[in-house]
């Protein structure tokens, strides 16, 4: 049995904020509290409010502001000698780095956050940092190591009865099973995550789980209409909380579903619109994945010949490898194979 989900990144005077609070509301409240704490000279509260400011900016896709805010929070926490607050600030910075596609930097920052959390005896900060490392490894395609870490964190979260962290771990493990072809197991885990999130009133975790369910329904069952209905439900939750990045990934999944259903004209429009969303929030991984889907779609529509498509795919494969998205690079190799273009010797 899980208690109601909470947001441990909202600290100090901001603990009354809900995990489901609109991000614009979070930003307004946190900015106001930051100014109050600065006026009072309360450095610990300045660091805590700064963390919430950083996270609101990050989730809204406002990258420069998020980058400045987490660094300011870290400097203040360090000056106050607060290891726990330092850990949370660096966790935010590492998560932002992963969002921007700077995966080696994300690993370094998240590892530092985990160490700071351990030294500061902040179990939750350490857990969130390790979860970030697991997610980074999974995104890069290191499924074995990421799977072990996700399983460890799942056991810890279940033991503490922490719903939000349990949902994150379940979704990470589910995604690994999906990427390695075990769709039945992936679906069961996504559905468990959705049920726990719903029971704990974690709308953000529920929306991500719904995205995963829609993916499986599309790729395993070929039921595009049901998948699209599921994504529409998740989209409404993302919009209520102004989850800019999550909404963009929801739209990318919609494009994927349309592509699999051979609704190529609709898929092209969806990929183009979602690509613009990812560019607006400076999310390199999302941009590259949209470009991959768009290249395949334009080829299917006959609007781009095989030579131009192969050139675009080779460019994308090089970009995926540069970023460290090795699983995505493998996806590009499969697309090249469908064109009859060998991947060997590509940039």
C-alpha atoms as a PDB file:
ATOM      1  CA  UNK A   1       0.000   0.000   0.000  1.00  0.00           C
ATOM      2  CA  UNK A   2       1.402   3.365  -1.007  1.00  0.00           C
ATOM      3  CA  UNK A   3       0.809   6.756   0.535  1.00  0.00           C
ATOM      4  CA  UNK A   4      -0.079   9.753  -1.583  1.00  0.00           C
ATOM      5  CA  UNK A   5       2.774  10.777  -3.873  1.00  0.00           C
ATOM      6  CA  UNK A   6       4.814  13.794  -2.854  1.00  0.00           C
ATOM      7  CA  UNK A   7       7.455  15.947  -4.535  1.00  0.00           C
ATOM      8  CA  UNK A   8      10.651  15.952  -2.413  1.00  0.00           C
ATOM      9  CA  UNK A   9      12.220  18.566  -4.688  1.00  0.00           C
ATOM     10  CA  UNK A  10       9.744  21.088  -3.254  1.00  0.00           C
ATOM     11  CA  UNK A  11      11.340  21.792   0.111  1.00  0.00           C
ATOM     12  CA  UNK A  12      11.246  24.208   3.008  1.00  0.00           C
ATOM     13  CA  UNK A  13       8.303  26.598   2.756  1.00  0.00           C
ATOM     14  CA  UNK A  14       7.321  24.938  -0.541  1.00  0.00           C
ATOM     15  CA  UNK A  15       6.479  21.496   0.847  1.00  0.00           C
ATOM     16  CA  UNK A  16       2.783  22.337   0.547  1.00  0.00           C
ATOM     17  CA  UNK A  17       3.134  22.178  -3.251  1.00  0.00           C
ATOM     18  CA  UNK A  18       1.727  19.022  -4.788  1.00  0.00           C
ATOM     19  CA  UNK A  19       3.422  16.682  -7.240  1.00  0.00           C
ATOM     20  CA  UNK A  20       0.504  17.647  -9.510  1.00  0.00           C
ATOM     21  CA  UNK A  21       0.909  21.419  -9.123  1.00  0.00           C
ATOM     22  CA  UNK A  22       0.957  23.360 -12.372  1.00  0.00           C
ATOM     23  CA  UNK A  23       4.559  24.238 -13.185  1.00  0.00           C
ATOM     24  CA  UNK A  24       3.685  27.864 -13.788  1.00  0.00           C
ATOM     25  CA  UNK A  25       2.207  27.973 -10.275  1.00  0.00           C
ATOM     26  CA  UNK A  26       5.329  26.279  -8.895  1.00  0.00           C
ATOM     27  CA  UNK A  27       7.544  28.825 -10.619  1.00  0.00           C
ATOM     28  CA  UNK A  28       5.526  31.754  -9.278  1.00  0.00           C
ATOM     29  CA  UNK A  29       5.481  30.408  -5.712  1.00  0.00           C
ATOM     30  CA  UNK A  30       9.138  29.403  -5.739  1.00  0.00           C
ATOM     31  CA  UNK A  31      10.291  32.731  -7.177  1.00  0.00           C
ATOM     32  CA  UNK A  32       8.334  34.608  -4.512  1.00  0.00           C
ATOM     33  CA  UNK A  33       9.778  32.395  -1.763  1.00  0.00           C
ATOM     34  CA  UNK A  34      13.294  32.825  -3.177  1.00  0.00           C
ATOM     35  CA  UNK A  35      12.976  36.612  -2.905  1.00  0.00           C
ATOM     36  CA  UNK A  36      11.618  36.358   0.638  1.00  0.00           C
ATOM     37  CA  UNK A  37      14.453  34.056   1.721  1.00  0.00           C
ATOM     38  CA  UNK A  38      17.055  36.326   0.139  1.00  0.00           C
ATOM     39  CA  UNK A  39      15.597  39.326   1.985  1.00  0.00           C
ATOM     40  CA  UNK A  40      15.651  37.363   5.252  1.00  0.00           C
ATOM     41  CA  UNK A  41      19.224  36.180   4.668  1.00  0.00           C
ATOM     42  CA  UNK A  42      18.153  32.532   5.108  1.00  0.00           C
ATOM     43  CA  UNK A  43      20.698  30.726   2.907  1.00  0.00           C
ATOM     44  CA  UNK A  44      19.262  27.236   3.384  1.00  0.00           C
ATOM     45  CA  UNK A  45      15.833  28.442   2.325  1.00  0.00           C
ATOM     46  CA  UNK A  46      17.366  30.315  -0.615  1.00  0.00           C
ATOM     47  CA  UNK A  47      18.919  27.026  -1.809  1.00  0.00           C
ATOM     48  CA  UNK A  48      15.643  25.126  -1.402  1.00  0.00           C
ATOM     49  CA  UNK A  49      13.560  27.741  -3.200  1.00  0.00           C
ATOM     50  CA  UNK A  50      16.211  27.957  -5.923  1.00  0.00           C
ATOM     51  CA  UNK A  51      15.927  24.211  -6.489  1.00  0.00           C
ATOM     52  CA  UNK A  52      12.171  24.502  -7.096  1.00  0.00           C
ATOM     53  CA  UNK A  53      12.785  27.427  -9.461  1.00  0.00           C
ATOM     54  CA  UNK A  54      15.332  25.335 -11.378  1.00  0.00           C
ATOM     55  CA  UNK A  55      13.016  22.343 -11.643  1.00  0.00           C
ATOM     56  CA  UNK A  56      10.056  24.422 -12.784  1.00  0.00           C
ATOM     57  CA  UNK A  57      12.145  26.075 -15.498  1.00  0.00           C
ATOM     58  CA  UNK A  58      13.572  22.700 -16.578  1.00  0.00           C
ATOM     59  CA  UNK A  59      10.201  21.014 -16.890  1.00  0.00           C
ATOM     60  CA  UNK A  60       8.818  24.010 -18.745  1.00  0.00           C
ATOM     61  CA  UNK A  61      11.673  23.665 -21.230  1.00  0.00           C
ATOM     62  CA  UNK A  62      13.308  26.966 -20.244  1.00  0.00           C
ATOM     63  CA  UNK A  63      16.869  25.706 -20.398  1.00  0.00           C
ATOM     64  CA  UNK A  64      19.001  28.852 -19.796  1.00  0.00           C
ATOM     65  CA  UNK A  65      16.932  29.832 -16.774  1.00  0.00           C
ATOM     66  CA  UNK A  66      17.049  26.287 -15.375  1.00  0.00           C
ATOM     67  CA  UNK A  67      20.823  26.135 -15.831  1.00  0.00           C
ATOM     68  CA  UNK A  68      21.359  29.412 -14.000  1.00  0.00           C
ATOM     69  CA  UNK A  69      18.941  28.453 -11.201  1.00  0.00           C
ATOM     70  CA  UNK A  70      20.416  25.054 -10.277  1.00  0.00           C
ATOM     71  CA  UNK A  71      23.935  26.499 -10.235  1.00  0.00           C
ATOM     72  CA  UNK A  72      22.825  29.359  -7.993  1.00  0.00           C
ATOM     73  CA  UNK A  73      21.091  26.887  -5.667  1.00  0.00           C
ATOM     74  CA  UNK A  74      24.259  24.772  -5.495  1.00  0.00           C
ATOM     75  CA  UNK A  75      26.495  27.747  -4.711  1.00  0.00           C
ATOM     76  CA  UNK A  76      24.185  28.860  -1.925  1.00  0.00           C
ATOM     77  CA  UNK A  77      23.937  25.339  -0.474  1.00  0.00           C
ATOM     78  CA  UNK A  78      27.714  24.943  -0.585  1.00  0.00           C
ATOM     79  CA  UNK A  79      28.202  28.273   1.205  1.00  0.00           C
ATOM     80  CA  UNK A  80      25.758  27.079   3.876  1.00  0.00           C
ATOM     81  CA  UNK A  81      27.540  23.718   4.174  1.00  0.00           C
ATOM     82  CA  UNK A  82      24.299  21.850   3.387  1.00  0.00           C
ATOM     83  CA  UNK A  83      25.319  18.609   1.645  1.00  0.00           C
ATOM     84  CA  UNK A  84      21.725  17.496   1.129  1.00  0.00           C
ATOM     85  CA  UNK A  85      20.772  20.724  -0.615  1.00  0.00           C
ATOM     86  CA  UNK A  86      23.962  20.485  -2.689  1.00  0.00           C
ATOM     87  CA  UNK A  87      22.930  16.977  -3.750  1.00  0.00           C
ATOM     88  CA  UNK A  88      19.472  18.132  -4.847  1.00  0.00           C
ATOM     89  CA  UNK A  89      20.884  21.056  -6.832  1.00  0.00           C
ATOM     90  CA  UNK A  90      23.390  18.834  -8.652  1.00  0.00           C
ATOM     91  CA  UNK A  91      20.634  16.261  -9.293  1.00  0.00           C
ATOM     92  CA  UNK A  92      18.639  19.011 -11.011  1.00  0.00           C
ATOM     93  CA  UNK A  93      21.694  19.979 -13.069  1.00  0.00           C
ATOM     94  CA  UNK A  94      22.337  16.371 -14.065  1.00  0.00           C
ATOM     95  CA  UNK A  95      18.728  15.875 -15.069  1.00  0.00           C
ATOM     96  CA  UNK A  96      18.885  19.040 -17.148  1.00  0.00           C
ATOM     97  CA  UNK A  97      22.068  17.810 -18.831  1.00  0.00           C
ATOM     98  CA  UNK A  98      20.345  14.538 -19.777  1.00  0.00           C
ATOM     99  CA  UNK A  99      17.353  16.474 -21.093  1.00  0.00           C
ATOM    100  CA  UNK A 100      19.692  18.502 -23.313  1.00  0.00           C
ATOM    101  CA  UNK A 101      21.451  15.400 -24.634  1.00  0.00           C
ATOM    102  CA  UNK A 102      24.712  16.040 -22.753  1.00  0.00           C
ATOM    103  CA  UNK A 103      24.809  12.475 -21.440  1.00  0.00           C
ATOM    104  CA  UNK A 104      28.462  12.260 -20.253  1.00  0.00           C
ATOM    105  CA  UNK A 105      27.919  15.463 -18.245  1.00  0.00           C
ATOM    106  CA  UNK A 106      24.654  14.053 -16.899  1.00  0.00           C
ATOM    107  CA  UNK A 107      26.467  10.951 -15.660  1.00  0.00           C
ATOM    108  CA  UNK A 108      29.152  13.000 -13.897  1.00  0.00           C
ATOM    109  CA  UNK A 109      26.676  15.318 -12.209  1.00  0.00           C
ATOM    110  CA  UNK A 110      24.298  12.561 -11.147  1.00  0.00           C
ATOM    111  CA  UNK A 111      27.160  10.493  -9.730  1.00  0.00           C
ATOM    112  CA  UNK A 112      28.277  13.558  -7.762  1.00  0.00           C
ATOM    113  CA  UNK A 113      24.706  14.110  -6.547  1.00  0.00           C
ATOM    114  CA  UNK A 114      24.502  10.498  -5.348  1.00  0.00           C
ATOM    115  CA  UNK A 115      27.782  10.896  -3.431  1.00  0.00           C
ATOM    116  CA  UNK A 116      26.661  14.183  -1.879  1.00  0.00           C
ATOM    117  CA  UNK A 117      23.331  12.631  -0.904  1.00  0.00           C
ATOM    118  CA  UNK A 118      25.133   9.737   0.773  1.00  0.00           C
ATOM    119  CA  UNK A 119      27.566  12.009   2.637  1.00  0.00           C
ATOM    120  CA  UNK A 120      24.720  14.326   3.626  1.00  0.00           C
ATOM    121  CA  UNK A 121      22.595  11.388   4.805  1.00  0.00           C
ATOM    122  CA  UNK A 122      19.785  12.372   2.421  1.00  0.00           C
ATOM    123  CA  UNK A 123      18.432   9.000   1.334  1.00  0.00           C
ATOM    124  CA  UNK A 124      15.868  10.447  -1.054  1.00  0.00           C
ATOM    125  CA  UNK A 125      18.347  12.724  -2.847  1.00  0.00           C
ATOM    126  CA  UNK A 126      20.718   9.787  -3.248  1.00  0.00           C
ATOM    127  CA  UNK A 127      17.885   7.627  -4.595  1.00  0.00           C
ATOM    128  CA  UNK A 128      16.797  10.232  -7.102  1.00  0.00           C
ATOM    129  CA  UNK A 129      20.380  10.678  -8.297  1.00  0.00           C
ATOM    130  CA  UNK A 130      20.834   6.921  -8.740  1.00  0.00           C
ATOM    131  CA  UNK A 131      17.500   6.766 -10.566  1.00  0.00           C
ATOM    132  CA  UNK A 132      18.809   9.486 -12.879  1.00  0.00           C
ATOM    133  CA  UNK A 133      21.937   7.430 -13.542  1.00  0.00           C
ATOM    134  CA  UNK A 134      19.802   4.381 -14.316  1.00  0.00           C
ATOM    135  CA  UNK A 135      17.639   6.369 -16.714  1.00  0.00           C
ATOM    136  CA  UNK A 136      20.692   7.829 -18.426  1.00  0.00           C
ATOM    137  CA  UNK A 137      22.160   4.354 -18.900  1.00  0.00           C
ATOM    138  CA  UNK A 138      18.866   3.068 -20.271  1.00  0.00           C
ATOM    139  CA  UNK A 139      18.606   5.941 -22.759  1.00  0.00           C
ATOM    140  CA  UNK A 140      22.137   5.177 -23.930  1.00  0.00           C
ATOM    141  CA  UNK A 141      21.284   1.504 -24.431  1.00  0.00           C
ATOM    142  CA  UNK A 142      23.214   0.035 -21.484  1.00  0.00           C
ATOM    143  CA  UNK A 143      20.240  -2.117 -20.576  1.00  0.00           C
ATOM    144  CA  UNK A 144      21.998  -4.657 -18.377  1.00  0.00           C
ATOM    145  CA  UNK A 145      23.575  -2.194 -15.949  1.00  0.00           C
ATOM    146  CA  UNK A 146      20.552   0.116 -16.034  1.00  0.00           C
ATOM    147  CA  UNK A 147      18.237  -2.811 -15.360  1.00  0.00           C
ATOM    148  CA  UNK A 148      20.199  -3.896 -12.284  1.00  0.00           C
ATOM    149  CA  UNK A 149      20.168  -0.367 -10.878  1.00  0.00           C
ATOM    150  CA  UNK A 150      16.457   0.092 -11.597  1.00  0.00           C
ATOM    151  CA  UNK A 151      15.691  -3.206  -9.818  1.00  0.00           C
ATOM    152  CA  UNK A 152      17.749  -2.120  -6.783  1.00  0.00           C
ATOM    153  CA  UNK A 153      15.968   1.218  -6.630  1.00  0.00           C
ATOM    154  CA  UNK A 154      12.580  -0.446  -7.089  1.00  0.00           C
ATOM    155  CA  UNK A 155      13.224  -2.665  -4.068  1.00  0.00           C
ATOM    156  CA  UNK A 156      14.279   0.345  -1.976  1.00  0.00           C
ATOM    157  CA  UNK A 157      11.245   2.391  -3.067  1.00  0.00           C
ATOM    158  CA  UNK A 158       8.826  -0.455  -2.316  1.00  0.00           C
ATOM    159  CA  UNK A 159      10.399  -0.901   1.111  1.00  0.00           C
ATOM    160  CA  UNK A 160       9.904   2.786   1.907  1.00  0.00           C
ATOM    161  CA  UNK A 161       6.413   2.780   0.384  1.00  0.00           C
ATOM    162  CA  UNK A 162       7.382   5.697  -1.849  1.00  0.00           C
ATOM    163  CA  UNK A 163       4.909   5.661  -4.717  1.00  0.00           C
ATOM    164  CA  UNK A 164       6.516   8.168  -7.053  1.00  0.00           C
ATOM    165  CA  UNK A 165       9.924   6.501  -6.984  1.00  0.00           C
ATOM    166  CA  UNK A 166       8.339   3.061  -7.369  1.00  0.00           C
ATOM    167  CA  UNK A 167       6.509   4.274 -10.476  1.00  0.00           C
ATOM    168  CA  UNK A 168       9.703   5.701 -11.975  1.00  0.00           C
ATOM    169  CA  UNK A 169      11.580   2.434 -11.414  1.00  0.00           C
ATOM    170  CA  UNK A 170       8.764   0.310 -12.842  1.00  0.00           C
ATOM    171  CA  UNK A 171       8.578   2.511 -15.939  1.00  0.00           C
ATOM    172  CA  UNK A 172      12.336   2.289 -16.444  1.00  0.00           C
ATOM    173  CA  UNK A 173      12.333  -1.510 -16.203  1.00  0.00           C
ATOM    174  CA  UNK A 174       9.284  -1.666 -18.474  1.00  0.00           C
ATOM    175  CA  UNK A 175      11.056   0.437 -21.095  1.00  0.00           C
ATOM    176  CA  UNK A 176      14.052  -1.902 -21.044  1.00  0.00           C
ATOM    177  CA  UNK A 177      11.762  -4.902 -21.631  1.00  0.00           C
ATOM    178  CA  UNK A 178      10.044  -3.002 -24.440  1.00  0.00           C
ATOM    179  CA  UNK A 179      13.372  -2.164 -26.092  1.00  0.00           C
ATOM    180  CA  UNK A 180      14.548  -5.773 -25.871  1.00  0.00           C
ATOM    181  CA  UNK A 181      11.311  -7.127 -27.358  1.00  0.00           C
ATOM    182  CA  UNK A 182       9.489  -8.524 -24.307  1.00  0.00           C
ATOM    183  CA  UNK A 183       6.272  -6.606 -24.941  1.00  0.00           C
ATOM    184  CA  UNK A 184       4.085  -8.659 -22.603  1.00  0.00           C
ATOM    185  CA  UNK A 185       6.329  -8.043 -19.602  1.00  0.00           C
ATOM    186  CA  UNK A 186       6.709  -4.382 -20.539  1.00  0.00           C
ATOM    187  CA  UNK A 187       2.945  -3.904 -20.717  1.00  0.00           C
ATOM    188  CA  UNK A 188       2.398  -5.572 -17.333  1.00  0.00           C
ATOM    189  CA  UNK A 189       4.962  -3.259 -15.709  1.00  0.00           C
ATOM    190  CA  UNK A 190       3.594  -0.114 -17.360  1.00  0.00           C
ATOM    191  CA  UNK A 191       0.099  -1.068 -16.206  1.00  0.00           C
ATOM    192  CA  UNK A 192       1.342  -1.681 -12.647  1.00  0.00           C
ATOM    193  CA  UNK A 193       3.057   1.713 -12.684  1.00  0.00           C
ATOM    194  CA  UNK A 194      -0.116   3.387 -13.943  1.00  0.00           C
ATOM    195  CA  UNK A 195      -2.200   1.724 -11.219  1.00  0.00           C
ATOM    196  CA  UNK A 196       0.194   2.769  -8.434  1.00  0.00           C
ATOM    197  CA  UNK A 197       0.418   6.307  -9.817  1.00  0.00           C
ATOM    198  CA  UNK A 198      -3.360   6.577 -10.018  1.00  0.00           C
ATOM    199  CA  UNK A 199      -3.775   5.319  -6.451  1.00  0.00           C
ATOM    200  CA  UNK A 200      -1.144   7.753  -5.171  1.00  0.00           C
ATOM    201  CA  UNK A 201      -2.536  10.665  -7.214  1.00  0.00           C
ATOM    202  CA  UNK A 202       0.706  11.017  -9.198  1.00  0.00           C
ATOM    203  CA  UNK A 203      -0.625  12.394 -12.471  1.00  0.00           C
ATOM    204  CA  UNK A 204       2.825  12.960 -13.941  1.00  0.00           C
ATOM    205  CA  UNK A 205       3.881   9.340 -13.371  1.00  0.00           C
ATOM    206  CA  UNK A 206       0.502   8.171 -14.658  1.00  0.00           C
ATOM    207  CA  UNK A 207       0.901  10.175 -17.876  1.00  0.00           C
ATOM    208  CA  UNK A 208       4.330   8.666 -18.579  1.00  0.00           C
ATOM    209  CA  UNK A 209       2.976   5.170 -17.895  1.00  0.00           C
ATOM    210  CA  UNK A 210       0.084   5.771 -20.293  1.00  0.00           C
ATOM    211  CA  UNK A 211       2.590   6.751 -22.980  1.00  0.00           C
ATOM    212  CA  UNK A 212       4.337   3.417 -22.462  1.00  0.00           C
ATOM    213  CA  UNK A 213       1.065   1.491 -22.600  1.00  0.00           C
ATOM    214  CA  UNK A 214       0.095   3.232 -25.834  1.00  0.00           C
ATOM    215  CA  UNK A 215       3.457   2.294 -27.338  1.00  0.00           C
ATOM    216  CA  UNK A 216       2.963  -1.401 -26.556  1.00  0.00           C
ATOM    217  CA  UNK A 217      -0.646  -1.399 -27.760  1.00  0.00           C
ATOM    218  CA  UNK A 218       0.589   0.066 -31.041  1.00  0.00           C
ATOM    219  CA  UNK A 219       3.694  -2.030 -31.654  1.00  0.00           C
ATOM    220  CA  UNK A 220       2.450  -5.371 -30.264  1.00  0.00           C
ATOM    221  CA  UNK A 221      -1.261  -5.281 -31.032  1.00  0.00           C
ATOM    222  CA  UNK A 222      -1.308  -2.960 -34.043  1.00  0.00           C
ATOM    223  CA  UNK A 223      -4.244  -1.121 -32.456  1.00  0.00           C
ATOM    224  CA  UNK A 224      -3.495   2.458 -33.481  1.00  0.00           C
ATOM    225  CA  UNK A 225      -6.898   3.870 -32.568  1.00  0.00           C
ATOM    226  CA  UNK A 226      -6.741   2.592 -28.994  1.00  0.00           C
ATOM    227  CA  UNK A 227      -3.157   3.809 -28.646  1.00  0.00           C
ATOM    228  CA  UNK A 228      -4.144   7.275 -29.832  1.00  0.00           C
ATOM    229  CA  UNK A 229      -7.022   7.409 -27.335  1.00  0.00           C
ATOM    230  CA  UNK A 230      -4.633   6.501 -24.508  1.00  0.00           C
ATOM    231  CA  UNK A 231      -2.227   9.226 -25.608  1.00  0.00           C
ATOM    232  CA  UNK A 232      -5.044  11.772 -25.698  1.00  0.00           C
ATOM    233  CA  UNK A 233      -5.846  11.012 -22.057  1.00  0.00           C
ATOM    234  CA  UNK A 234      -2.195  11.403 -21.073  1.00  0.00           C
ATOM    235  CA  UNK A 235      -1.942  14.629 -23.063  1.00  0.00           C
ATOM    236  CA  UNK A 236      -4.729  16.199 -21.028  1.00  0.00           C
ATOM    237  CA  UNK A 237      -2.825  15.451 -17.811  1.00  0.00           C
ATOM    238  CA  UNK A 238       0.389  16.933 -19.261  1.00  0.00           C
ATOM    239  CA  UNK A 239      -1.407  20.100 -20.310  1.00  0.00           C
ATOM    240  CA  UNK A 240      -3.032  20.588 -16.900  1.00  0.00           C
ATOM    241  CA  UNK A 241       0.424  20.617 -15.281  1.00  0.00           C
ATOM    242  CA  UNK A 242       2.205  22.385 -18.151  1.00  0.00           C
ATOM    243  CA  UNK A 243       4.609  19.460 -18.580  1.00  0.00           C
ATOM    244  CA  UNK A 244       6.296  20.781 -21.712  1.00  0.00           C
ATOM    245  CA  UNK A 245       8.882  18.040 -22.205  1.00  0.00           C
ATOM    246  CA  UNK A 246       6.500  15.199 -21.332  1.00  0.00           C
ATOM    247  CA  UNK A 247       3.943  16.655 -23.737  1.00  0.00           C
ATOM    248  CA  UNK A 248       6.497  16.739 -26.552  1.00  0.00           C
ATOM    249  CA  UNK A 249       7.381  13.080 -25.951  1.00  0.00           C
ATOM    250  CA  UNK A 250       3.675  12.254 -25.919  1.00  0.00           C
ATOM    251  CA  UNK A 251       3.352  13.904 -29.332  1.00  0.00           C
ATOM    252  CA  UNK A 252       6.396  12.020 -30.631  1.00  0.00           C
ATOM    253  CA  UNK A 253       4.771   8.760 -29.587  1.00  0.00           C
ATOM    254  CA  UNK A 254       1.619   9.844 -31.411  1.00  0.00           C
ATOM    255  CA  UNK A 255       3.723  10.304 -34.552  1.00  0.00           C
ATOM    256  CA  UNK A 256       5.265   6.850 -34.043  1.00  0.00           C
ATOM    257  CA  UNK A 257       1.810   5.279 -33.712  1.00  0.00           C
ATOM    258  CA  UNK A 258       0.632   6.962 -36.915  1.00  0.00           C
ATOM    259  CA  UNK A 259       3.761   5.810 -38.756  1.00  0.00           C
ATOM    260  CA  UNK A 260       3.268   2.197 -37.680  1.00  0.00           C
ATOM    261  CA  UNK A 261      -0.352   2.412 -38.851  1.00  0.00           C
ATOM    262  CA  UNK A 262       0.934   3.629 -42.253  1.00  0.00           C
ATOM    263  CA  UNK A 263      -0.906   6.918 -41.868  1.00  0.00           C
ATOM    264  CA  UNK A 264       2.147   8.616 -43.312  1.00  0.00           C
ATOM    265  CA  UNK A 265       0.704  12.041 -44.073  1.00  0.00           C
ATOM    266  CA  UNK A 266      -0.611  12.392 -40.541  1.00  0.00           C
ATOM    267  CA  UNK A 267       2.688  11.057 -39.207  1.00  0.00           C
ATOM    268  CA  UNK A 268       4.675  13.604 -41.208  1.00  0.00           C
ATOM    269  CA  UNK A 269       2.644  16.467 -39.786  1.00  0.00           C
ATOM    270  CA  UNK A 270       2.976  15.066 -36.269  1.00  0.00           C
ATOM    271  CA  UNK A 271       6.761  14.631 -36.559  1.00  0.00           C
ATOM    272  CA  UNK A 272       7.191  18.138 -37.982  1.00  0.00           C
ATOM    273  CA  UNK A 273       5.109  19.734 -35.232  1.00  0.00           C
ATOM    274  CA  UNK A 274       6.847  17.744 -32.498  1.00  0.00           C
ATOM    275  CA  UNK A 275      10.285  18.553 -33.901  1.00  0.00           C
ATOM    276  CA  UNK A 276       9.424  22.234 -33.488  1.00  0.00           C
ATOM    277  CA  UNK A 277       8.373  21.568 -29.880  1.00  0.00           C
ATOM    278  CA  UNK A 278      11.684  19.885 -29.078  1.00  0.00           C
ATOM    279  CA  UNK A 279      13.656  22.675 -30.726  1.00  0.00           C
ATOM    280  CA  UNK A 280      11.790  25.224 -28.629  1.00  0.00           C
ATOM    281  CA  UNK A 281      12.964  23.520 -25.420  1.00  0.00           C
ATOM    282  CA  UNK A 282      16.477  22.701 -26.691  1.00  0.00           C
ATOM    283  CA  UNK A 283      16.021  18.932 -26.283  1.00  0.00           C
ATOM    284  CA  UNK A 284      18.565  17.312 -28.607  1.00  0.00           C
ATOM    285  CA  UNK A 285      17.505  13.702 -28.060  1.00  0.00           C
ATOM    286  CA  UNK A 286      13.890  14.450 -28.917  1.00  0.00           C
ATOM    287  CA  UNK A 287      14.927  16.430 -31.976  1.00  0.00           C
ATOM    288  CA  UNK A 288      17.119  13.634 -33.301  1.00  0.00           C
ATOM    289  CA  UNK A 289      14.458  10.976 -32.737  1.00  0.00           C
ATOM    290  CA  UNK A 290      11.865  13.119 -34.536  1.00  0.00           C
ATOM    291  CA  UNK A 291      14.255  13.615 -37.441  1.00  0.00           C
ATOM    292  CA  UNK A 292      14.679   9.836 -37.666  1.00  0.00           C
ATOM    293  CA  UNK A 293      10.924   9.298 -37.775  1.00  0.00           C
ATOM    294  CA  UNK A 294      10.457  12.121 -40.276  1.00  0.00           C
ATOM    295  CA  UNK A 295      13.176  10.788 -42.597  1.00  0.00           C
ATOM    296  CA  UNK A 296      11.520   7.356 -42.677  1.00  0.00           C
ATOM    297  CA  UNK A 297       8.104   8.947 -43.208  1.00  0.00           C
ATOM    298  CA  UNK A 298       9.209  11.127 -46.131  1.00  0.00           C
ATOM    299  CA  UNK A 299      10.742   8.065 -47.769  1.00  0.00           C
ATOM    300  CA  UNK A 300       7.497   6.112 -47.355  1.00  0.00           C
ATOM    301  CA  UNK A 301       5.572   9.001 -48.884  1.00  0.00           C
ATOM    302  CA  UNK A 302       7.903   9.037 -51.873  1.00  0.00           C
ATOM    303  CA  UNK A 303       8.899  12.619 -51.104  1.00  0.00           C
ATOM    304  CA  UNK A 304      12.543  11.736 -50.545  1.00  0.00           C
ATOM    305  CA  UNK A 305      14.479   9.150 -52.552  1.00  0.00           C
ATOM    306  CA  UNK A 306      16.588   6.386 -51.028  1.00  0.00           C
ATOM    307  CA  UNK A 307      19.903   8.195 -51.596  1.00  0.00           C
ATOM    308  CA  UNK A 308      18.806  11.365 -49.765  1.00  0.00           C
ATOM    309  CA  UNK A 309      17.172   9.290 -47.042  1.00  0.00           C
ATOM    310  CA  UNK A 310      20.347   7.262 -46.542  1.00  0.00           C
ATOM    311  CA  UNK A 311      22.385  10.463 -46.280  1.00  0.00           C
ATOM    312  CA  UNK A 312      20.056  11.814 -43.593  1.00  0.00           C
ATOM    313  CA  UNK A 313      20.123   8.508 -41.704  1.00  0.00           C
ATOM    314  CA  UNK A 314      23.912   8.360 -41.766  1.00  0.00           C
ATOM    315  CA  UNK A 315      24.071  11.910 -40.440  1.00  0.00           C
ATOM    316  CA  UNK A 316      21.632  11.006 -37.684  1.00  0.00           C
ATOM    317  CA  UNK A 317      23.573   7.879 -36.782  1.00  0.00           C
ATOM    318  CA  UNK A 318      26.716   9.963 -36.336  1.00  0.00           C
ATOM    319  CA  UNK A 319      24.758  12.404 -34.160  1.00  0.00           C
ATOM    320  CA  UNK A 320      23.312   9.616 -32.026  1.00  0.00           C
ATOM    321  CA  UNK A 321      26.792   8.229 -31.435  1.00  0.00           C
ATOM    322  CA  UNK A 322      28.162  11.672 -30.615  1.00  0.00           C
ATOM    323  CA  UNK A 323      25.403  12.214 -28.045  1.00  0.00           C
ATOM    324  CA  UNK A 324      25.819   8.667 -26.714  1.00  0.00           C
ATOM    325  CA  UNK A 325      22.424   7.313 -27.804  1.00  0.00           C
ATOM    326  CA  UNK A 326      23.661   3.891 -28.863  1.00  0.00           C
ATOM    327  CA  UNK A 327      20.246   2.238 -28.898  1.00  0.00           C
ATOM    328  CA  UNK A 328      18.985   4.984 -31.231  1.00  0.00           C
ATOM    329  CA  UNK A 329      22.066   4.427 -33.424  1.00  0.00           C
ATOM    330  CA  UNK A 330      21.052   0.760 -33.683  1.00  0.00           C
ATOM    331  CA  UNK A 331      17.562   1.868 -34.740  1.00  0.00           C
ATOM    332  CA  UNK A 332      19.160   3.950 -37.483  1.00  0.00           C
ATOM    333  CA  UNK A 333      21.184   0.937 -38.659  1.00  0.00           C
ATOM    334  CA  UNK A 334      17.932  -1.018 -39.011  1.00  0.00           C
ATOM    335  CA  UNK A 335      16.429   1.796 -41.066  1.00  0.00           C
ATOM    336  CA  UNK A 336      19.513   1.815 -43.286  1.00  0.00           C
ATOM    337  CA  UNK A 337      19.222  -1.942 -43.738  1.00  0.00           C
ATOM    338  CA  UNK A 338      15.632  -1.506 -44.913  1.00  0.00           C
ATOM    339  CA  UNK A 339      16.982   0.830 -47.608  1.00  0.00           C
ATOM    340  CA  UNK A 340      19.637  -1.694 -48.580  1.00  0.00           C
ATOM    341  CA  UNK A 341      22.385   0.708 -47.439  1.00  0.00           C
ATOM    342  CA  UNK A 342      25.208  -0.851 -45.388  1.00  0.00           C
ATOM    343  CA  UNK A 343      26.031   0.931 -42.143  1.00  0.00           C
ATOM    344  CA  UNK A 344      29.717  -0.005 -42.271  1.00  0.00           C
ATOM    345  CA  UNK A 345      31.994   2.870 -43.078  1.00  0.00           C
ATOM    346  CA  UNK A 346      29.361   5.448 -42.198  1.00  0.00           C
ATOM    347  CA  UNK A 347      30.373   8.527 -40.286  1.00  0.00           C
END
